[in-house]
Amino acid sequence: QVQLVESGGGLVQAGGSLRLSCAASGSIFSIDAMGWYRRAPGKQRELVADVTRGGRTNYADSVKGRFTISRDNAKNTVYLQMNSLKPEDTAVYYCRADRGPYNYWGQGTQVTVSS
C-alpha cells in the first residue's frame, strides 16, 4: 500500500499562485509516475500534470505555461507550482501514484480561485 498526503490548497485571487505538495509513504519502492488530477464542480476528474520517476513531464493543455510539476525522489514527494491562477482552476486537486498495475490516490485538497 501507498499512502499519499496532499497539502497546500486554499483560497487565492485570480492571478495568484499556490504550491501543492504530495508526500508518499508506505510501499514506496518502484513508484513510477506521480501526478495531479482535479475535479471541478459538475465535471469529471481530469489530468492536470504528471511526471515519471525519470523526470518526464506531461501537462494538460489548459495549464501549460502556468503550472509546473516537479518531483523529489529522495523525499518521495511531488509538487505542483500553480501560477497565474484562473477561476476555472477551482477544483479539488488529487495526487496519484502509480506502482506496477496499481494506482493510489490522496484524499484531495481544495483550490479555490476568486475573480
PDB file of N, CA and C in Angstrom:
ATOM      1  N   GLN A   1       0.826  -1.192   0.000  1.00  0.00           N
ATOM      2  CA  GLN A   1       0.000   0.000   0.000  1.00  0.00           C
ATOM      3  C   GLN A   1       0.869   1.253   0.000  1.00  0.00           C
ATOM      4  N   VAL A   2       0.352   2.266  -0.648  1.00  0.00           N
ATOM      5  CA  VAL A   2       1.000   3.576  -0.685  1.00  0.00           C
ATOM      6  C   VAL A   2       0.016   4.592  -0.133  1.00  0.00           C
ATOM      7  N   GLN A   3       0.477   5.396   0.786  1.00  0.00           N
ATOM      8  CA  GLN A   3      -0.347   6.471   1.328  1.00  0.00           C
ATOM      9  C   GLN A   3       0.151   7.801   0.762  1.00  0.00           C
ATOM     10  N   LEU A   4      -0.793   8.626   0.372  1.00  0.00           N
ATOM     11  CA  LEU A   4      -0.479   9.932  -0.210  1.00  0.00           C
ATOM     12  C   LEU A   4      -1.158  11.016   0.607  1.00  0.00           C
ATOM     13  N   VAL A   5      -0.401  12.025   0.998  1.00  0.00           N
ATOM     14  CA  VAL A   5      -0.953  13.127   1.780  1.00  0.00           C
ATOM     15  C   VAL A   5      -0.657  14.429   1.049  1.00  0.00           C
ATOM     16  N   GLU A   6      -1.736  15.115   0.665  1.00  0.00           N
ATOM     17  CA  GLU A   6      -1.605  16.380  -0.049  1.00  0.00           C
ATOM     18  C   GLU A   6      -1.660  17.548   0.921  1.00  0.00           C
ATOM     19  N   SER A   7      -1.057  18.651   0.524  1.00  0.00           N
ATOM     20  CA  SER A   7      -1.157  19.889   1.286  1.00  0.00           C
ATOM     21  C   SER A   7      -0.944  21.054   0.339  1.00  0.00           C
ATOM     22  N   GLY A   8      -1.332  22.240   0.798  1.00  0.00           N
ATOM     23  CA  GLY A   8      -1.053  23.448   0.047  1.00  0.00           C
ATOM     24  C   GLY A   8      -2.225  24.093  -0.641  1.00  0.00           C
ATOM     25  N   GLY A   9      -3.396  23.484  -0.579  1.00  0.00           N
ATOM     26  CA  GLY A   9      -4.557  24.105  -1.202  1.00  0.00           C
ATOM     27  C   GLY A   9      -5.019  25.319  -0.418  1.00  0.00           C
ATOM     28  N   GLY A  10      -5.997  26.029  -0.970  1.00  0.00           N
ATOM     29  CA  GLY A  10      -6.530  27.191  -0.284  1.00  0.00           C
ATOM     30  C   GLY A  10      -7.273  28.102  -1.218  1.00  0.00           C
ATOM     31  N   LEU A  11      -7.511  29.314  -0.734  1.00  0.00           N
ATOM     32  CA  LEU A  11      -8.233  30.345  -1.476  1.00  0.00           C
ATOM     33  C   LEU A  11      -7.243  31.396  -1.946  1.00  0.00           C
ATOM     34  N   VAL A  12      -7.320  31.735  -3.229  1.00  0.00           N
ATOM     35  CA  VAL A  12      -6.412  32.722  -3.797  1.00  0.00           C
ATOM     36  C   VAL A  12      -7.165  33.542  -4.842  1.00  0.00           C
ATOM     37  N   GLN A  13      -6.747  34.767  -5.035  1.00  0.00           N
ATOM     38  CA  GLN A  13      -7.359  35.608  -6.060  1.00  0.00           C
ATOM     39  C   GLN A  13      -6.815  35.246  -7.437  1.00  0.00           C
ATOM     40  N   ALA A  14      -7.598  35.533  -8.436  1.00  0.00           N
ATOM     41  CA  ALA A  14      -7.161  35.294  -9.810  1.00  0.00           C
ATOM     42  C   ALA A  14      -5.835  36.009 -10.064  1.00  0.00           C
ATOM     43  N   GLY A  15      -4.942  35.302 -10.744  1.00  0.00           N
ATOM     44  CA  GLY A  15      -3.608  35.817 -10.992  1.00  0.00           C
ATOM     45  C   GLY A  15      -2.584  35.424  -9.945  1.00  0.00           C
ATOM     46  N   GLY A  16      -3.055  34.868  -8.850  1.00  0.00           N
ATOM     47  CA  GLY A  16      -2.165  34.474  -7.769  1.00  0.00           C
ATOM     48  C   GLY A  16      -1.544  33.109  -7.990  1.00  0.00           C
ATOM     49  N   SER A  17      -0.832  32.659  -6.965  1.00  0.00           N
ATOM     50  CA  SER A  17      -0.097  31.397  -7.049  1.00  0.00           C
ATOM     51  C   SER A  17      -0.344  30.546  -5.815  1.00  0.00           C
ATOM     52  N   LEU A  18      -0.242  29.242  -6.018  1.00  0.00           N
ATOM     53  CA  LEU A  18      -0.265  28.269  -4.937  1.00  0.00           C
ATOM     54  C   LEU A  18       0.704  27.152  -5.280  1.00  0.00           C
ATOM     55  N   ARG A  19       1.200  26.486  -4.249  1.00  0.00           N
ATOM     56  CA  ARG A  19       2.050  25.329  -4.450  1.00  0.00           C
ATOM     57  C   ARG A  19       1.478  24.152  -3.677  1.00  0.00           C
ATOM     58  N   LEU A  20       1.165  23.096  -4.403  1.00  0.00           N
ATOM     59  CA  LEU A  20       0.667  21.873  -3.792  1.00  0.00           C
ATOM     60  C   LEU A  20       1.818  20.894  -3.587  1.00  0.00           C
ATOM     61  N   SER A  21       1.724  20.135  -2.493  1.00  0.00           N
ATOM     62  CA  SER A  21       2.703  19.087  -2.216  1.00  0.00           C
ATOM     63  C   SER A  21       1.972  17.785  -1.961  1.00  0.00           C
ATOM     64  N   CYS A  22       2.619  16.690  -2.314  1.00  0.00           N
ATOM     65  CA  CYS A  22       2.063  15.360  -2.066  1.00  0.00           C
ATOM     66  C   CYS A  22       3.196  14.449  -1.632  1.00  0.00           C
ATOM     67  N   ALA A  23       3.105  13.976  -0.397  1.00  0.00           N
ATOM     68  CA  ALA A  23       4.138  13.109   0.147  1.00  0.00           C
ATOM     69  C   ALA A  23       3.644  11.666   0.161  1.00  0.00           C
ATOM     70  N   ALA A  24       4.476  10.783  -0.348  1.00  0.00           N
ATOM     71  CA  ALA A  24       4.146   9.360  -0.384  1.00  0.00           C
ATOM     72  C   ALA A  24       4.853   8.624   0.742  1.00  0.00           C
ATOM     73  N   SER A  25       4.146   7.652   1.308  1.00  0.00           N
ATOM     74  CA  SER A  25       4.731   6.799   2.336  1.00  0.00           C
ATOM     75  C   SER A  25       4.187   5.385   2.169  1.00  0.00           C
ATOM     76  N   GLY A  26       4.764   4.453   2.905  1.00  0.00           N
ATOM     77  CA  GLY A  26       4.338   3.066   2.789  1.00  0.00           C
ATOM     78  C   GLY A  26       5.230   2.316   1.830  1.00  0.00           C
ATOM     79  N   SER A  27       4.625   1.549   0.963  1.00  0.00           N
ATOM     80  CA  SER A  27       5.390   0.737  -0.004  1.00  0.00           C
ATOM     81  C   SER A  27       5.783   1.592  -1.200  1.00  0.00           C
ATOM     82  N   ILE A  28       6.731   2.466  -0.988  1.00  0.00           N
ATOM     83  CA  ILE A  28       7.060   3.489  -1.988  1.00  0.00           C
ATOM     84  C   ILE A  28       8.075   3.018  -3.015  1.00  0.00           C
ATOM     85  N   PHE A  29       8.650   1.841  -2.800  1.00  0.00           N
ATOM     86  CA  PHE A  29       9.609   1.363  -3.783  1.00  0.00           C
ATOM     87  C   PHE A  29       8.878   1.089  -5.092  1.00  0.00           C
ATOM     88  N   SER A  30       9.553   1.340  -6.176  1.00  0.00           N
ATOM     89  CA  SER A  30       9.024   1.086  -7.520  1.00  0.00           C
ATOM     90  C   SER A  30       7.845   1.953  -7.902  1.00  0.00           C
ATOM     91  N   ILE A  31       7.624   3.065  -7.169  1.00  0.00           N
ATOM     92  CA  ILE A  31       6.627   4.026  -7.664  1.00  0.00           C
ATOM     93  C   ILE A  31       7.160   4.601  -8.969  1.00  0.00           C
ATOM     94  N   ASP A  32       6.335   4.571  -9.997  1.00  0.00           N
ATOM     95  CA  ASP A  32       6.763   5.143 -11.276  1.00  0.00           C
ATOM     96  C   ASP A  32       6.196   6.552 -11.395  1.00  0.00           C
ATOM     97  N   ALA A  33       5.133   6.713 -12.129  1.00  0.00           N
ATOM     98  CA  ALA A  33       4.593   8.051 -12.349  1.00  0.00           C
ATOM     99  C   ALA A  33       3.860   8.556 -11.113  1.00  0.00           C
ATOM    100  N   MET A  34       3.973   9.857 -10.890  1.00  0.00           N
ATOM    101  CA  MET A  34       3.164  10.558  -9.897  1.00  0.00           C
ATOM    102  C   MET A  34       2.556  11.761 -10.595  1.00  0.00           C
ATOM    103  N   GLY A  35       1.371  12.129 -10.152  1.00  0.00           N
ATOM    104  CA  GLY A  35       0.737  13.237 -10.851  1.00  0.00           C
ATOM    105  C   GLY A  35      -0.371  13.884 -10.068  1.00  0.00           C
ATOM    106  N   TRP A  36      -0.933  14.890 -10.679  1.00  0.00           N
ATOM    107  CA  TRP A  36      -2.038  15.648 -10.104  1.00  0.00           C
ATOM    108  C   TRP A  36      -3.227  15.609 -11.058  1.00  0.00           C
ATOM    109  N   TYR A  37      -4.378  15.369 -10.481  1.00  0.00           N
ATOM    110  CA  TYR A  37      -5.648  15.413 -11.183  1.00  0.00           C
ATOM    111  C   TYR A  37      -6.539  16.407 -10.453  1.00  0.00           C
ATOM    112  N   ARG A  38      -7.615  16.814 -11.113  1.00  0.00           N
ATOM    113  CA  ARG A  38      -8.554  17.709 -10.450  1.00  0.00           C
ATOM    114  C   ARG A  38      -9.972  17.393 -10.869  1.00  0.00           C
ATOM    115  N   ARG A  39     -10.899  17.717  -9.979  1.00  0.00           N
ATOM    116  CA  ARG A  39     -12.317  17.577 -10.277  1.00  0.00           C
ATOM    117  C   ARG A  39     -13.002  18.870  -9.899  1.00  0.00           C
ATOM    118  N   ALA A  40     -13.496  19.546 -10.916  1.00  0.00           N
ATOM    119  CA  ALA A  40     -14.262  20.777 -10.701  1.00  0.00           C
ATOM    120  C   ALA A  40     -15.729  20.417 -10.469  1.00  0.00           C
ATOM    121  N   PRO A  41     -16.475  21.295  -9.816  1.00  0.00           N
ATOM    122  CA  PRO A  41     -17.897  21.010  -9.572  1.00  0.00           C
ATOM    123  C   PRO A  41     -18.638  20.691 -10.859  1.00  0.00           C
ATOM    124  N   GLY A  42     -19.333  19.568 -10.870  1.00  0.00           N
ATOM    125  CA  GLY A  42     -20.129  19.186 -12.024  1.00  0.00           C
ATOM    126  C   GLY A  42     -19.348  18.623 -13.185  1.00  0.00           C
ATOM    127  N   LYS A  43     -18.059  18.404 -12.991  1.00  0.00           N
ATOM    128  CA  LYS A  43     -17.225  17.895 -14.080  1.00  0.00           C
ATOM    129  C   LYS A  43     -16.525  16.603 -13.656  1.00  0.00           C
ATOM    130  N   GLN A  44     -16.002  15.900 -14.659  1.00  0.00           N
ATOM    131  CA  GLN A  44     -15.263  14.686 -14.377  1.00  0.00           C
ATOM    132  C   GLN A  44     -13.837  15.025 -13.953  1.00  0.00           C
ATOM    133  N   ARG A  45     -13.224  14.082 -13.256  1.00  0.00           N
ATOM    134  CA  ARG A  45     -11.834  14.271 -12.863  1.00  0.00           C
ATOM    135  C   ARG A  45     -10.956  14.263 -14.114  1.00  0.00           C
ATOM    136  N   GLU A  46      -9.982  15.144 -14.152  1.00  0.00           N
ATOM    137  CA  GLU A  46      -9.118  15.255 -15.316  1.00  0.00           C
ATOM    138  C   GLU A  46      -7.655  15.347 -14.881  1.00  0.00           C
ATOM    139  N   LEU A  47      -6.785  14.919 -15.784  1.00  0.00           N
ATOM    140  CA  LEU A  47      -5.351  15.025 -15.541  1.00  0.00           C
ATOM    141  C   LEU A  47      -4.928  16.483 -15.620  1.00  0.00           C
ATOM    142  N   VAL A  48      -4.128  16.907 -14.647  1.00  0.00           N
ATOM    143  CA  VAL A  48      -3.513  18.229 -14.691  1.00  0.00           C
ATOM    144  C   VAL A  48      -2.078  18.108 -15.199  1.00  0.00           C
ATOM    145  N   ALA A  49      -1.304  17.252 -14.534  1.00  0.00           N
ATOM    146  CA  ALA A  49       0.088  17.046 -14.919  1.00  0.00           C
ATOM    147  C   ALA A  49       0.602  15.790 -14.253  1.00  0.00           C
ATOM    148  N   ASP A  50       1.552  15.128 -14.900  1.00  0.00           N
ATOM    149  CA  ASP A  50       2.217  14.018 -14.242  1.00  0.00           C
ATOM    150  C   ASP A  50       3.695  13.994 -14.622  1.00  0.00           C
ATOM    151  N   VAL A  51       4.446  13.217 -13.835  1.00  0.00           N
ATOM    152  CA  VAL A  51       5.893  13.157 -14.031  1.00  0.00           C
ATOM    153  C   VAL A  51       6.347  11.740 -13.724  1.00  0.00           C
ATOM    154  N   THR A  52       7.184  11.187 -14.576  1.00  0.00           N
ATOM    155  CA  THR A  52       7.717   9.846 -14.344  1.00  0.00           C
ATOM    156  C   THR A  52       8.873   9.914 -13.355  1.00  0.00           C
ATOM    157  N   ARG A  53       9.289   8.746 -12.901  1.00  0.00           N
ATOM    158  CA  ARG A  53      10.415   8.698 -11.973  1.00  0.00           C
ATOM    159  C   ARG A  53      11.678   9.307 -12.606  1.00  0.00           C
ATOM    160  N   GLY A  54      11.765   9.173 -13.911  1.00  0.00           N
ATOM    161  CA  GLY A  54      12.915   9.724 -14.625  1.00  0.00           C
ATOM    162  C   GLY A  54      12.806  11.205 -14.939  1.00  0.00           C
ATOM    163  N   GLY A  55      11.647  11.803 -14.633  1.00  0.00           N
ATOM    164  CA  GLY A  55      11.513  13.242 -14.791  1.00  0.00           C
ATOM    165  C   GLY A  55      10.780  13.706 -16.036  1.00  0.00           C
ATOM    166  N   ARG A  56      10.250  12.772 -16.799  1.00  0.00           N
ATOM    167  CA  ARG A  56       9.492  13.183 -17.975  1.00  0.00           C
ATOM    168  C   ARG A  56       8.126  13.696 -17.537  1.00  0.00           C
ATOM    169  N   THR A  57       7.757  14.872 -18.042  1.00  0.00           N
ATOM    170  CA  THR A  57       6.505  15.519 -17.615  1.00  0.00           C
ATOM    171  C   THR A  57       5.470  15.566 -18.725  1.00  0.00           C
ATOM    172  N   ASN A  58       4.227  15.715 -18.296  1.00  0.00           N
ATOM    173  CA  ASN A  58       3.106  15.795 -19.218  1.00  0.00           C
ATOM    174  C   ASN A  58       2.093  16.743 -18.589  1.00  0.00           C
ATOM    175  N   TYR A  59       1.540  17.659 -19.404  1.00  0.00           N
ATOM    176  CA  TYR A  59       0.608  18.656 -18.881  1.00  0.00           C
ATOM    177  C   TYR A  59      -0.671  18.694 -19.706  1.00  0.00           C
ATOM    178  N   ALA A  60      -1.759  19.014 -19.046  1.00  0.00           N
ATOM    179  CA  ALA A  60      -2.987  19.329 -19.753  1.00  0.00           C
ATOM    180  C   ALA A  60      -2.786  20.649 -20.500  1.00  0.00           C
ATOM    181  N   ASP A  61      -3.398  20.763 -21.656  1.00  0.00           N
ATOM    182  CA  ASP A  61      -3.242  21.990 -22.450  1.00  0.00           C
ATOM    183  C   ASP A  61      -3.675  23.228 -21.664  1.00  0.00           C
ATOM    184  N   SER A  62      -4.675  23.073 -20.820  1.00  0.00           N
ATOM    185  CA  SER A  62      -5.241  24.222 -20.111  1.00  0.00           C
ATOM    186  C   SER A  62      -4.283  24.807 -19.069  1.00  0.00           C
ATOM    187  N   VAL A  63      -3.248  24.067 -18.691  1.00  0.00           N
ATOM    188  CA  VAL A  63      -2.335  24.568 -17.651  1.00  0.00           C
ATOM    189  C   VAL A  63      -0.915  24.777 -18.156  1.00  0.00           C
ATOM    190  N   LYS A  64      -0.661  24.425 -19.396  1.00  0.00           N
ATOM    191  CA  LYS A  64       0.695  24.592 -19.941  1.00  0.00           C
ATOM    192  C   LYS A  64       1.129  26.053 -19.860  1.00  0.00           C
ATOM    193  N   GLY A  65       2.349  26.261 -19.405  1.00  0.00           N
ATOM    194  CA  GLY A  65       2.884  27.607 -19.268  1.00  0.00           C
ATOM    195  C   GLY A  65       2.519  28.283 -17.963  1.00  0.00           C
ATOM    196  N   ARG A  66       1.599  27.705 -17.210  1.00  0.00           N
ATOM    197  CA  ARG A  66       1.197  28.295 -15.928  1.00  0.00           C
ATOM    198  C   ARG A  66       1.559  27.395 -14.743  1.00  0.00           C
ATOM    199  N   PHE A  67       1.442  26.094 -14.932  1.00  0.00           N
ATOM    200  CA  PHE A  67       1.703  25.131 -13.857  1.00  0.00           C
ATOM    201  C   PHE A  67       3.008  24.399 -14.139  1.00  0.00           C
ATOM    202  N   THR A  68       3.710  24.034 -13.070  1.00  0.00           N
ATOM    203  CA  THR A  68       4.939  23.253 -13.188  1.00  0.00           C
ATOM    204  C   THR A  68       4.908  22.115 -12.176  1.00  0.00           C
ATOM    205  N   ILE A  69       5.079  20.899 -12.676  1.00  0.00           N
ATOM    206  CA  ILE A  69       5.156  19.739 -11.779  1.00  0.00           C
ATOM    207  C   ILE A  69       6.617  19.385 -11.583  1.00  0.00           C
ATOM    208  N   SER A  70       6.953  19.002 -10.366  1.00  0.00           N
ATOM    209  CA  SER A  70       8.318  18.568 -10.064  1.00  0.00           C
ATOM    210  C   SER A  70       8.257  17.448  -9.041  1.00  0.00           C
ATOM    211  N   ARG A  71       9.392  16.782  -8.897  1.00  0.00           N
ATOM    212  CA  ARG A  71       9.391  15.591  -8.047  1.00  0.00           C
ATOM    213  C   ARG A  71      10.736  15.473  -7.356  1.00  0.00           C
ATOM    214  N   ASP A  72      10.693  15.139  -6.091  1.00  0.00           N
ATOM    215  CA  ASP A  72      11.895  14.878  -5.304  1.00  0.00           C
ATOM    216  C   ASP A  72      11.848  13.407  -4.914  1.00  0.00           C
ATOM    217  N   ASN A  73      12.578  12.582  -5.635  1.00  0.00           N
ATOM    218  CA  ASN A  73      12.536  11.142  -5.375  1.00  0.00           C
ATOM    219  C   ASN A  73      13.099  10.794  -3.998  1.00  0.00           C
ATOM    220  N   ALA A  74      14.059  11.570  -3.531  1.00  0.00           N
ATOM    221  CA  ALA A  74      14.640  11.294  -2.211  1.00  0.00           C
ATOM    222  C   ALA A  74      13.612  11.510  -1.102  1.00  0.00           C
ATOM    223  N   LYS A  75      12.699  12.453  -1.321  1.00  0.00           N
ATOM    224  CA  LYS A  75      11.665  12.744  -0.327  1.00  0.00           C
ATOM    225  C   LYS A  75      10.342  12.092  -0.668  1.00  0.00           C
ATOM    226  N   ASN A  76      10.305  11.385  -1.794  1.00  0.00           N
ATOM    227  CA  ASN A  76       9.061  10.746  -2.234  1.00  0.00           C
ATOM    228  C   ASN A  76       7.908  11.737  -2.273  1.00  0.00           C
ATOM    229  N   THR A  77       8.203  12.896  -2.824  1.00  0.00           N
ATOM    230  CA  THR A  77       7.236  13.991  -2.833  1.00  0.00           C
ATOM    231  C   THR A  77       7.132  14.567  -4.240  1.00  0.00           C
ATOM    232  N   VAL A  78       5.910  14.901  -4.620  1.00  0.00           N
ATOM    233  CA  VAL A  78       5.677  15.574  -5.892  1.00  0.00           C
ATOM    234  C   VAL A  78       5.010  16.916  -5.597  1.00  0.00           C
ATOM    235  N   TYR A  79       5.371  17.909  -6.383  1.00  0.00           N
ATOM    236  CA  TYR A  79       4.888  19.273  -6.179  1.00  0.00           C
ATOM    237  C   TYR A  79       4.166  19.764  -7.441  1.00  0.00           C
ATOM    238  N   LEU A  80       3.270  20.696  -7.235  1.00  0.00           N
ATOM    239  CA  LEU A  80       2.623  21.367  -8.346  1.00  0.00           C
ATOM    240  C   LEU A  80       2.628  22.860  -8.054  1.00  0.00           C
ATOM    241  N   GLN A  81       3.467  23.586  -8.771  1.00  0.00           N
ATOM    242  CA  GLN A  81       3.510  25.040  -8.661  1.00  0.00           C
ATOM    243  C   GLN A  81       2.491  25.608  -9.639  1.00  0.00           C
ATOM    244  N   MET A  82       1.534  26.339  -9.113  1.00  0.00           N
ATOM    245  CA  MET A  82       0.460  26.884  -9.934  1.00  0.00           C
ATOM    246  C   MET A  82       0.541  28.407  -9.926  1.00  0.00           C
ATOM    247  N   ASN A  83       0.807  28.979 -11.081  1.00  0.00           N
ATOM    248  CA  ASN A  83       0.897  30.430 -11.237  1.00  0.00           C
ATOM    249  C   ASN A  83      -0.214  30.921 -12.148  1.00  0.00           C
ATOM    250  N   SER A  84      -0.440  32.211 -12.114  1.00  0.00           N
ATOM    251  CA  SER A  84      -1.468  32.836 -12.968  1.00  0.00           C
ATOM    252  C   SER A  84      -2.785  32.080 -12.873  1.00  0.00           C
ATOM    253  N   LEU A  85      -3.203  31.817 -11.665  1.00  0.00           N
ATOM    254  CA  LEU A  85      -4.408  31.024 -11.453  1.00  0.00           C
ATOM    255  C   LEU A  85      -5.647  31.752 -11.969  1.00  0.00           C
ATOM    256  N   LYS A  86      -6.581  30.962 -12.482  1.00  0.00           N
ATOM    257  CA  LYS A  86      -7.835  31.469 -13.035  1.00  0.00           C
ATOM    258  C   LYS A  86      -9.004  30.876 -12.255  1.00  0.00           C
ATOM    259  N   PRO A  87     -10.143  31.536 -12.261  1.00  0.00           N
ATOM    260  CA  PRO A  87     -11.317  30.963 -11.576  1.00  0.00           C
ATOM    261  C   PRO A  87     -11.645  29.546 -12.060  1.00  0.00           C
ATOM    262  N   GLU A  88     -11.399  29.273 -13.330  1.00  0.00           N
ATOM    263  CA  GLU A  88     -11.688  27.940 -13.859  1.00  0.00           C
ATOM    264  C   GLU A  88     -10.726  26.868 -13.348  1.00  0.00           C
ATOM    265  N   ASP A  89      -9.697  27.258 -12.613  1.00  0.00           N
ATOM    266  CA  ASP A  89      -8.813  26.284 -11.963  1.00  0.00           C
ATOM    267  C   ASP A  89      -9.391  25.791 -10.638  1.00  0.00           C
ATOM    268  N   THR A  90     -10.493  26.390 -10.206  1.00  0.00           N
ATOM    269  CA  THR A  90     -11.131  25.967  -8.962  1.00  0.00           C
ATOM    270  C   THR A  90     -11.560  24.512  -9.051  1.00  0.00           C
ATOM    271  N   ALA A  91     -11.098  23.708  -8.102  1.00  0.00           N
ATOM    272  CA  ALA A  91     -11.378  22.276  -8.113  1.00  0.00           C
ATOM    273  C   ALA A  91     -10.787  21.643  -6.867  1.00  0.00           C
ATOM    274  N   VAL A  92     -11.135  20.388  -6.662  1.00  0.00           N
ATOM    275  CA  VAL A  92     -10.406  19.563  -5.695  1.00  0.00           C
ATOM    276  C   VAL A  92      -9.263  18.901  -6.460  1.00  0.00           C
ATOM    277  N   TYR A  93      -8.070  19.064  -5.958  1.00  0.00           N
ATOM    278  CA  TYR A  93      -6.882  18.514  -6.608  1.00  0.00           C
ATOM    279  C   TYR A  93      -6.456  17.240  -5.875  1.00  0.00           C
ATOM    280  N   TYR A  94      -6.227  16.195  -6.654  1.00  0.00           N
ATOM    281  CA  TYR A  94      -5.865  14.892  -6.118  1.00  0.00           C
ATOM    282  C   TYR A  94      -4.477  14.481  -6.609  1.00  0.00           C
ATOM    283  N   CYS A  95      -3.727  13.912  -5.717  1.00  0.00           N
ATOM    284  CA  CYS A  95      -2.436  13.340  -6.059  1.00  0.00           C
ATOM    285  C   CYS A  95      -2.632  11.868  -6.391  1.00  0.00           C
ATOM    286  N   ARG A  96      -1.860  11.395  -7.334  1.00  0.00           N
ATOM    287  CA  ARG A  96      -1.930   9.983  -7.725  1.00  0.00           C
ATOM    288  C   ARG A  96      -0.524   9.438  -7.873  1.00  0.00           C
ATOM    289  N   ALA A  97      -0.342   8.179  -7.468  1.00  0.00           N
ATOM    290  CA  ALA A  97       0.936   7.484  -7.651  1.00  0.00           C
ATOM    291  C   ALA A  97       0.668   6.133  -8.292  1.00  0.00           C
ATOM    292  N   ASP A  98       1.486   5.778  -9.250  1.00  0.00           N
ATOM    293  CA  ASP A  98       1.356   4.500  -9.955  1.00  0.00           C
ATOM    294  C   ASP A  98       2.499   3.590  -9.545  1.00  0.00           C
ATOM    295  N   ARG A  99       2.148   2.357  -9.172  1.00  0.00           N
ATOM    296  CA  ARG A  99       3.175   1.372  -8.825  1.00  0.00           C
ATOM    297  C   ARG A  99       2.750   0.045  -9.432  1.00  0.00           C
ATOM    298  N   GLY A 100       3.443  -0.352 -10.473  1.00  0.00           N
ATOM    299  CA  GLY A 100       3.048  -1.553 -11.186  1.00  0.00           C
ATOM    300  C   GLY A 100       1.638  -1.375 -11.730  1.00  0.00           C
ATOM    301  N   PRO A 101       0.772  -2.361 -11.496  1.00  0.00           N
ATOM    302  CA  PRO A 101      -0.592  -2.262 -12.018  1.00  0.00           C
ATOM    303  C   PRO A 101      -1.533  -1.470 -11.120  1.00  0.00           C
ATOM    304  N   TYR A 102      -1.014  -0.912 -10.040  1.00  0.00           N
ATOM    305  CA  TYR A 102      -1.858  -0.255  -9.046  1.00  0.00           C
ATOM    306  C   TYR A 102      -1.753   1.268  -9.101  1.00  0.00           C
ATOM    307  N   ASN A 103      -2.877   1.907  -8.847  1.00  0.00           N
ATOM    308  CA  ASN A 103      -2.943   3.363  -8.722  1.00  0.00           C
ATOM    309  C   ASN A 103      -3.369   3.707  -7.308  1.00  0.00           C
ATOM    310  N   TYR A 104      -2.731   4.701  -6.726  1.00  0.00           N
ATOM    311  CA  TYR A 104      -3.067   5.153  -5.384  1.00  0.00           C
ATOM    312  C   TYR A 104      -3.425   6.627  -5.437  1.00  0.00           C
ATOM    313  N   TRP A 105      -4.395   7.017  -4.620  1.00  0.00           N
ATOM    314  CA  TRP A 105      -4.908   8.380  -4.631  1.00  0.00           C
ATOM    315  C   TRP A 105      -4.844   9.001  -3.245  1.00  0.00           C
ATOM    316  N   GLY A 106      -4.593  10.310  -3.222  1.00  0.00           N
ATOM    317  CA  GLY A 106      -4.696  11.061  -1.993  1.00  0.00           C
ATOM    318  C   GLY A 106      -6.136  11.443  -1.725  1.00  0.00           C
ATOM    319  N   GLN A 107      -6.351  12.139  -0.611  1.00  0.00           N
ATOM    320  CA  GLN A 107      -7.711  12.486  -0.193  1.00  0.00           C
ATOM    321  C   GLN A 107      -8.219  13.740  -0.875  1.00  0.00           C
ATOM    322  N   GLY A 108      -7.330  14.484  -1.497  1.00  0.00           N
ATOM    323  CA  GLY A 108      -7.720  15.689  -2.210  1.00  0.00           C
ATOM    324  C   GLY A 108      -7.524  16.944  -1.381  1.00  0.00           C
ATOM    325  N   THR A 109      -7.240  18.030  -2.066  1.00  0.00           N
ATOM    326  CA  THR A 109      -7.116  19.336  -1.425  1.00  0.00           C
ATOM    327  C   THR A 109      -7.832  20.367  -2.273  1.00  0.00           C
ATOM    328  N   GLN A 110      -8.604  21.216  -1.628  1.00  0.00           N
ATOM    329  CA  GLN A 110      -9.431  22.196  -2.334  1.00  0.00           C
ATOM    330  C   GLN A 110      -8.604  23.402  -2.753  1.00  0.00           C
ATOM    331  N   VAL A 111      -8.744  23.781  -4.003  1.00  0.00           N
ATOM    332  CA  VAL A 111      -8.170  25.028  -4.526  1.00  0.00           C
ATOM    333  C   VAL A 111      -9.331  25.875  -5.033  1.00  0.00           C
ATOM    334  N   THR A 112      -9.439  27.077  -4.503  1.00  0.00           N
ATOM    335  CA  THR A 112     -10.491  27.989  -4.914  1.00  0.00           C
ATOM    336  C   THR A 112      -9.869  29.291  -5.385  1.00  0.00           C
ATOM    337  N   VAL A 113     -10.206  29.685  -6.614  1.00  0.00           N
ATOM    338  CA  VAL A 113      -9.658  30.911  -7.198  1.00  0.00           C
ATOM    339  C   VAL A 113     -10.810  31.888  -7.372  1.00  0.00           C
ATOM    340  N   SER A 114     -10.728  33.013  -6.707  1.00  0.00           N
ATOM    341  CA  SER A 114     -11.784  34.021  -6.783  1.00  0.00           C
ATOM    342  C   SER A 114     -11.467  35.038  -7.877  1.00  0.00           C
ATOM    343  N   SER A 115     -12.531  35.535  -8.485  1.00  0.00           N
ATOM    344  CA  SER A 115     -12.342  36.505  -9.582  1.00  0.00           C
ATOM    345  C   SER A 115     -12.289  37.923  -9.055  1.00  0.00           C
TER     346      SER A 115
END
